[in-house]
N, C-alpha and C. Protein backbone atom coordinates (compact mmCIF):
# COMPACT_ATOMS: atom_id res chain seq x y z
N MET A 1 17.80 17.72 5.04
CA MET A 1 17.26 18.31 3.84
C MET A 1 16.11 17.42 3.36
N LYS A 2 14.95 18.02 3.10
CA LYS A 2 13.78 17.26 2.65
C LYS A 2 13.60 17.41 1.15
N LYS A 3 13.30 16.27 0.51
CA LYS A 3 13.08 16.22 -0.93
C LYS A 3 12.05 15.14 -1.23
N THR A 4 11.71 15.01 -2.50
CA THR A 4 10.88 13.88 -2.92
C THR A 4 11.78 12.87 -3.63
N LEU A 5 11.26 11.68 -3.81
CA LEU A 5 12.00 10.67 -4.57
C LEU A 5 12.25 11.17 -5.98
N PHE A 6 11.30 11.91 -6.53
CA PHE A 6 11.46 12.49 -7.87
C PHE A 6 12.71 13.37 -7.92
N ASP A 7 12.88 14.21 -6.92
CA ASP A 7 14.05 15.10 -6.88
C ASP A 7 15.35 14.30 -6.89
N ILE A 8 15.38 13.23 -6.11
CA ILE A 8 16.59 12.41 -6.02
C ILE A 8 16.87 11.73 -7.36
N ILE A 9 15.84 11.15 -7.94
CA ILE A 9 16.02 10.45 -9.22
C ILE A 9 16.45 11.44 -10.30
N ASP A 10 15.86 12.62 -10.25
CA ASP A 10 16.23 13.65 -11.23
C ASP A 10 17.72 13.99 -11.15
N THR A 11 18.30 13.95 -9.95
CA THR A 11 19.73 14.25 -9.82
C THR A 11 20.58 13.16 -10.48
N TRP A 12 20.05 11.95 -10.59
CA TRP A 12 20.80 10.89 -11.25
C TRP A 12 21.08 11.26 -12.71
N THR A 13 20.19 12.05 -13.29
CA THR A 13 20.36 12.41 -14.69
C THR A 13 21.38 13.54 -14.86
N LEU A 14 21.78 14.15 -13.76
CA LEU A 14 22.80 15.20 -13.82
C LEU A 14 24.18 14.65 -13.53
N ASN A 15 24.24 13.65 -12.67
CA ASN A 15 25.52 13.06 -12.28
C ASN A 15 25.33 11.57 -12.08
N TRP A 16 25.67 10.79 -13.10
CA TRP A 16 25.47 9.34 -13.03
C TRP A 16 26.49 8.75 -12.07
N ASN A 17 25.98 8.13 -11.01
CA ASN A 17 26.84 7.46 -10.04
C ASN A 17 26.12 6.20 -9.60
N ARG A 18 26.54 5.08 -10.16
CA ARG A 18 25.84 3.81 -9.93
C ARG A 18 25.78 3.45 -8.46
N GLY A 19 26.82 3.68 -7.72
CA GLY A 19 26.83 3.36 -6.29
C GLY A 19 25.77 4.13 -5.53
N ILE A 20 25.65 5.42 -5.81
CA ILE A 20 24.64 6.24 -5.15
C ILE A 20 23.24 5.80 -5.54
N ILE A 21 23.07 5.44 -6.80
CA ILE A 21 21.75 4.99 -7.27
C ILE A 21 21.33 3.73 -6.52
N GLU A 22 22.22 2.75 -6.43
CA GLU A 22 21.88 1.51 -5.73
C GLU A 22 21.59 1.75 -4.26
N THR A 23 22.42 2.56 -3.62
CA THR A 23 22.21 2.88 -2.21
C THR A 23 20.87 3.57 -2.00
N THR A 24 20.55 4.50 -2.87
CA THR A 24 19.27 5.21 -2.78
C THR A 24 18.11 4.24 -2.89
N LEU A 25 18.13 3.37 -3.90
CA LEU A 25 17.04 2.41 -4.08
C LEU A 25 16.89 1.50 -2.87
N GLN A 26 18.01 1.04 -2.32
CA GLN A 26 17.95 0.15 -1.16
C GLN A 26 17.39 0.87 0.06
N GLN A 27 17.84 2.10 0.29
CA GLN A 27 17.37 2.83 1.47
C GLN A 27 15.91 3.23 1.35
N VAL A 28 15.47 3.57 0.15
CA VAL A 28 14.06 3.93 -0.03
C VAL A 28 13.18 2.69 0.07
N ALA A 29 13.65 1.55 -0.40
CA ALA A 29 12.87 0.31 -0.34
C ALA A 29 12.70 -0.21 1.08
N ALA A 30 13.66 0.04 1.94
CA ALA A 30 13.68 -0.56 3.28
C ALA A 30 12.38 -0.36 4.07
N PRO A 31 11.85 0.87 4.20
CA PRO A 31 10.64 1.01 5.01
C PRO A 31 9.42 0.34 4.40
N PHE A 32 9.39 0.22 3.08
CA PHE A 32 8.28 -0.49 2.44
C PHE A 32 8.43 -1.99 2.67
N ASN A 33 9.65 -2.48 2.54
CA ASN A 33 9.90 -3.89 2.78
C ASN A 33 9.61 -4.27 4.23
N GLU A 34 9.93 -3.37 5.17
CA GLU A 34 9.62 -3.62 6.58
C GLU A 34 8.12 -3.79 6.79
N ARG A 35 7.34 -3.16 5.93
CA ARG A 35 5.88 -3.26 6.00
C ARG A 35 5.37 -4.36 5.07
N LYS A 36 6.30 -5.19 4.60
CA LYS A 36 5.98 -6.33 3.72
C LYS A 36 5.37 -5.90 2.40
N ARG A 37 5.89 -4.81 1.84
CA ARG A 37 5.41 -4.29 0.56
C ARG A 37 6.57 -4.05 -0.39
N VAL A 38 6.31 -4.26 -1.67
CA VAL A 38 7.26 -3.96 -2.74
C VAL A 38 6.66 -2.81 -3.54
N PHE A 39 7.40 -1.73 -3.64
CA PHE A 39 6.96 -0.52 -4.34
C PHE A 39 7.28 -0.69 -5.83
N PHE A 40 6.25 -0.62 -6.67
CA PHE A 40 6.41 -0.88 -8.10
C PHE A 40 7.49 -0.01 -8.73
N LEU A 41 7.57 1.25 -8.33
CA LEU A 41 8.50 2.16 -8.97
C LEU A 41 9.95 1.74 -8.73
N LEU A 42 10.25 1.28 -7.54
CA LEU A 42 11.61 0.83 -7.26
C LEU A 42 11.94 -0.40 -8.09
N GLU A 43 10.97 -1.28 -8.26
CA GLU A 43 11.19 -2.45 -9.12
C GLU A 43 11.44 -2.04 -10.57
N GLU A 44 10.71 -1.02 -11.03
CA GLU A 44 10.93 -0.50 -12.39
C GLU A 44 12.36 0.00 -12.55
N PHE A 45 12.86 0.69 -11.53
CA PHE A 45 14.23 1.20 -11.62
C PHE A 45 15.25 0.07 -11.56
N TRP A 46 15.02 -0.93 -10.73
CA TRP A 46 15.94 -2.08 -10.71
C TRP A 46 15.96 -2.77 -12.07
N ASN A 47 14.78 -2.92 -12.68
CA ASN A 47 14.71 -3.54 -14.01
C ASN A 47 15.45 -2.70 -15.05
N THR A 48 15.33 -1.40 -14.95
CA THR A 48 16.04 -0.51 -15.87
C THR A 48 17.55 -0.63 -15.68
N LEU A 49 17.99 -0.73 -14.44
CA LEU A 49 19.42 -0.90 -14.19
C LEU A 49 19.93 -2.23 -14.74
N GLU A 50 19.11 -3.27 -14.64
CA GLU A 50 19.50 -4.56 -15.25
C GLU A 50 19.66 -4.41 -16.75
N PHE A 51 18.74 -3.70 -17.39
CA PHE A 51 18.83 -3.44 -18.83
C PHE A 51 20.10 -2.66 -19.14
N ILE A 52 20.37 -1.64 -18.36
CA ILE A 52 21.57 -0.81 -18.56
C ILE A 52 22.83 -1.65 -18.42
N ASP A 53 22.82 -2.62 -17.51
CA ASP A 53 24.00 -3.47 -17.26
C ASP A 53 24.17 -4.58 -18.29
N ASP A 54 23.17 -4.81 -19.12
CA ASP A 54 23.24 -5.89 -20.10
C ASP A 54 24.43 -5.65 -21.03
N PRO A 55 25.38 -6.58 -21.06
CA PRO A 55 26.57 -6.39 -21.91
C PRO A 55 26.25 -6.35 -23.40
N LEU A 56 25.06 -6.82 -23.78
CA LEU A 56 24.69 -6.77 -25.19
C LEU A 56 24.13 -5.41 -25.61
N GLU A 57 23.86 -4.57 -24.62
CA GLU A 57 23.37 -3.22 -24.90
C GLU A 57 24.55 -2.26 -24.90
N PHE A 58 24.57 -1.39 -25.89
CA PHE A 58 25.61 -0.37 -25.94
C PHE A 58 25.14 0.81 -25.10
N MET A 59 25.81 1.05 -23.97
CA MET A 59 25.36 2.08 -23.04
C MET A 59 26.46 3.11 -22.78
N THR A 60 26.27 4.26 -23.32
CA THR A 60 27.11 5.40 -22.95
C THR A 60 26.48 6.02 -21.70
N GLU A 61 27.19 6.93 -21.06
CA GLU A 61 26.61 7.63 -19.91
C GLU A 61 25.33 8.34 -20.31
N GLU A 62 25.33 8.94 -21.50
CA GLU A 62 24.16 9.67 -21.98
C GLU A 62 22.98 8.73 -22.17
N ARG A 63 23.23 7.56 -22.70
CA ARG A 63 22.14 6.60 -22.93
C ARG A 63 21.59 6.06 -21.61
N LYS A 64 22.46 5.86 -20.62
CA LYS A 64 22.00 5.44 -19.30
C LYS A 64 21.05 6.48 -18.72
N ILE A 65 21.46 7.72 -18.82
CA ILE A 65 20.65 8.83 -18.32
C ILE A 65 19.32 8.90 -19.06
N GLU A 66 19.34 8.69 -20.36
CA GLU A 66 18.11 8.70 -21.15
C GLU A 66 17.13 7.63 -20.68
N GLN A 67 17.65 6.47 -20.30
CA GLN A 67 16.79 5.38 -19.82
C GLN A 67 16.08 5.79 -18.52
N ILE A 68 16.80 6.45 -17.64
CA ILE A 68 16.20 6.92 -16.38
C ILE A 68 15.17 8.01 -16.66
N GLU A 69 15.53 8.96 -17.53
CA GLU A 69 14.60 10.04 -17.88
C GLU A 69 13.33 9.48 -18.51
N LYS A 70 13.49 8.50 -19.37
CA LYS A 70 12.34 7.88 -20.03
C LYS A 70 11.41 7.23 -19.01
N LEU A 71 11.97 6.51 -18.07
CA LEU A 71 11.18 5.84 -17.04
C LEU A 71 10.49 6.87 -16.14
N LEU A 72 11.19 7.92 -15.80
CA LEU A 72 10.63 8.94 -14.91
C LEU A 72 9.58 9.79 -15.60
N SER A 73 9.59 9.84 -16.93
CA SER A 73 8.63 10.67 -17.66
C SER A 73 7.25 10.02 -17.80
N ILE A 74 7.13 8.75 -17.47
CA ILE A 74 5.83 8.08 -17.49
C ILE A 74 4.99 8.67 -16.36
N ALA A 75 3.78 9.10 -16.68
CA ALA A 75 2.95 9.85 -15.73
C ALA A 75 2.79 9.14 -14.39
N ARG A 76 2.48 7.86 -14.39
CA ARG A 76 2.29 7.12 -13.14
C ARG A 76 3.58 7.09 -12.32
N ASN A 77 4.69 6.89 -12.99
CA ASN A 77 5.97 6.86 -12.30
C ASN A 77 6.31 8.22 -11.69
N GLU A 78 6.07 9.27 -12.46
CA GLU A 78 6.34 10.62 -11.96
C GLU A 78 5.47 10.91 -10.73
N ARG A 79 4.20 10.56 -10.81
CA ARG A 79 3.28 10.78 -9.70
C ARG A 79 3.74 10.02 -8.45
N ALA A 80 4.15 8.78 -8.63
CA ALA A 80 4.61 7.96 -7.50
C ALA A 80 5.91 8.54 -6.91
N ALA A 81 6.82 8.95 -7.77
CA ALA A 81 8.10 9.50 -7.29
C ALA A 81 7.89 10.80 -6.52
N LYS A 82 6.92 11.59 -6.94
CA LYS A 82 6.65 12.85 -6.25
C LYS A 82 5.89 12.64 -4.94
N ALA A 83 5.24 11.50 -4.78
CA ALA A 83 4.47 11.22 -3.57
C ALA A 83 5.35 10.81 -2.39
N VAL A 84 6.52 10.25 -2.67
CA VAL A 84 7.40 9.76 -1.61
C VAL A 84 8.28 10.90 -1.10
N LYS A 85 8.07 11.25 0.17
CA LYS A 85 8.83 12.34 0.80
C LYS A 85 10.03 11.76 1.54
N LEU A 86 11.17 12.38 1.34
CA LEU A 86 12.42 11.88 1.91
C LEU A 86 13.11 12.95 2.74
N GLU A 87 13.90 12.49 3.67
CA GLU A 87 14.82 13.37 4.37
C GLU A 87 16.21 12.79 4.17
N ILE A 88 17.13 13.63 3.79
CA ILE A 88 18.50 13.20 3.56
C ILE A 88 19.35 13.70 4.72
N VAL A 89 19.95 12.76 5.42
CA VAL A 89 20.82 13.07 6.54
C VAL A 89 22.25 12.79 6.07
N GLU A 90 23.11 13.78 6.14
CA GLU A 90 24.45 13.64 5.55
C GLU A 90 25.58 13.50 6.56
N SER A 91 25.28 13.05 7.76
CA SER A 91 26.34 12.99 8.75
C SER A 91 26.29 11.68 9.49
N PRO A 92 27.32 10.88 9.57
CA PRO A 92 28.58 10.98 8.85
C PRO A 92 28.47 10.45 7.42
N ASP A 93 27.61 9.45 7.21
CA ASP A 93 27.36 8.96 5.85
C ASP A 93 25.98 9.43 5.41
N VAL A 94 25.77 9.47 4.11
CA VAL A 94 24.46 9.87 3.60
C VAL A 94 23.45 8.77 3.92
N LYS A 95 22.36 9.17 4.52
CA LYS A 95 21.27 8.24 4.83
C LYS A 95 19.98 8.88 4.35
N ILE A 96 19.16 8.09 3.67
CA ILE A 96 17.89 8.56 3.16
C ILE A 96 16.77 7.93 3.98
N VAL A 97 15.92 8.77 4.53
CA VAL A 97 14.81 8.32 5.37
C VAL A 97 13.51 8.66 4.65
N VAL A 98 12.65 7.66 4.49
CA VAL A 98 11.33 7.89 3.91
C VAL A 98 10.42 8.39 5.03
N LEU A 99 9.86 9.56 4.83
CA LEU A 99 9.05 10.21 5.87
C LEU A 99 7.59 9.77 5.86
N ASN A 100 7.10 9.26 4.73
CA ASN A 100 5.66 8.99 4.62
C ASN A 100 5.34 7.62 4.02
N ALA A 101 6.11 6.60 4.37
CA ALA A 101 5.90 5.27 3.80
C ALA A 101 4.48 4.75 4.05
N GLU A 102 4.04 4.84 5.30
CA GLU A 102 2.71 4.32 5.64
C GLU A 102 1.61 5.07 4.87
N GLU A 103 1.75 6.37 4.77
CA GLU A 103 0.77 7.19 4.05
C GLU A 103 0.72 6.81 2.57
N VAL A 104 1.88 6.63 1.96
CA VAL A 104 1.92 6.27 0.53
C VAL A 104 1.27 4.91 0.31
N ILE A 105 1.55 3.97 1.19
CA ILE A 105 0.95 2.63 1.07
C ILE A 105 -0.57 2.71 1.22
N THR A 106 -1.04 3.45 2.21
CA THR A 106 -2.47 3.57 2.49
C THR A 106 -3.22 4.25 1.35
N LYS A 107 -2.66 5.35 0.85
CA LYS A 107 -3.33 6.13 -0.19
C LYS A 107 -3.23 5.50 -1.58
N ASN A 108 -2.23 4.66 -1.79
CA ASN A 108 -1.98 4.11 -3.13
C ASN A 108 -1.69 2.61 -3.07
N PRO A 109 -2.62 1.81 -2.60
CA PRO A 109 -2.34 0.38 -2.44
C PRO A 109 -2.00 -0.33 -3.76
N GLY A 110 -2.47 0.22 -4.88
CA GLY A 110 -2.18 -0.38 -6.18
C GLY A 110 -0.72 -0.24 -6.60
N TRP A 111 0.04 0.55 -5.89
CA TRP A 111 1.46 0.73 -6.19
C TRP A 111 2.33 -0.34 -5.55
N PHE A 112 1.70 -1.24 -4.78
CA PHE A 112 2.47 -2.20 -3.99
C PHE A 112 1.99 -3.62 -4.19
N GLU A 113 2.95 -4.53 -4.03
CA GLU A 113 2.65 -5.96 -3.99
C GLU A 113 3.15 -6.47 -2.64
N ASP A 114 2.59 -7.59 -2.21
CA ASP A 114 3.06 -8.20 -0.98
C ASP A 114 4.49 -8.69 -1.14
N TRP A 115 5.25 -8.64 -0.09
CA TRP A 115 6.65 -9.06 -0.09
C TRP A 115 6.87 -10.00 1.08
N ASP A 116 7.44 -11.15 0.81
CA ASP A 116 7.68 -12.15 1.86
C ASP A 116 9.10 -12.15 2.36
N GLY A 117 9.90 -11.21 1.92
CA GLY A 117 11.31 -11.17 2.34
C GLY A 117 12.21 -11.74 1.26
N ILE A 118 13.47 -11.78 1.59
CA ILE A 118 14.48 -12.28 0.65
C ILE A 118 14.34 -13.78 0.55
N THR A 119 14.33 -14.25 -0.70
CA THR A 119 14.21 -15.71 -0.91
C THR A 119 15.52 -16.29 -1.35
């Protein structure tokens, strides 16, 4: 099944599942990291999840969803999320494959920073 990153993120607002969210971010980041790039949008989502996890913040499921919706509603973020094309393979485990990583990097170099690997 083919979708955009926007479509996947939008589903997070319908059914909050932290495990699926983390797995999605990791799988989408992998092809960019293999090319030594960090995609700004994924970093924005990781930062939002850190905020959501802050024990000093009162977070209901609704408020968590609002944080994701707020981040996705920013024009640049929406544009970036819609640019990333994905294929979801559901057998035996769900695997998300980025279909156009090289194209997104080439067409939008300002969306990426250099990545040296895990430190």
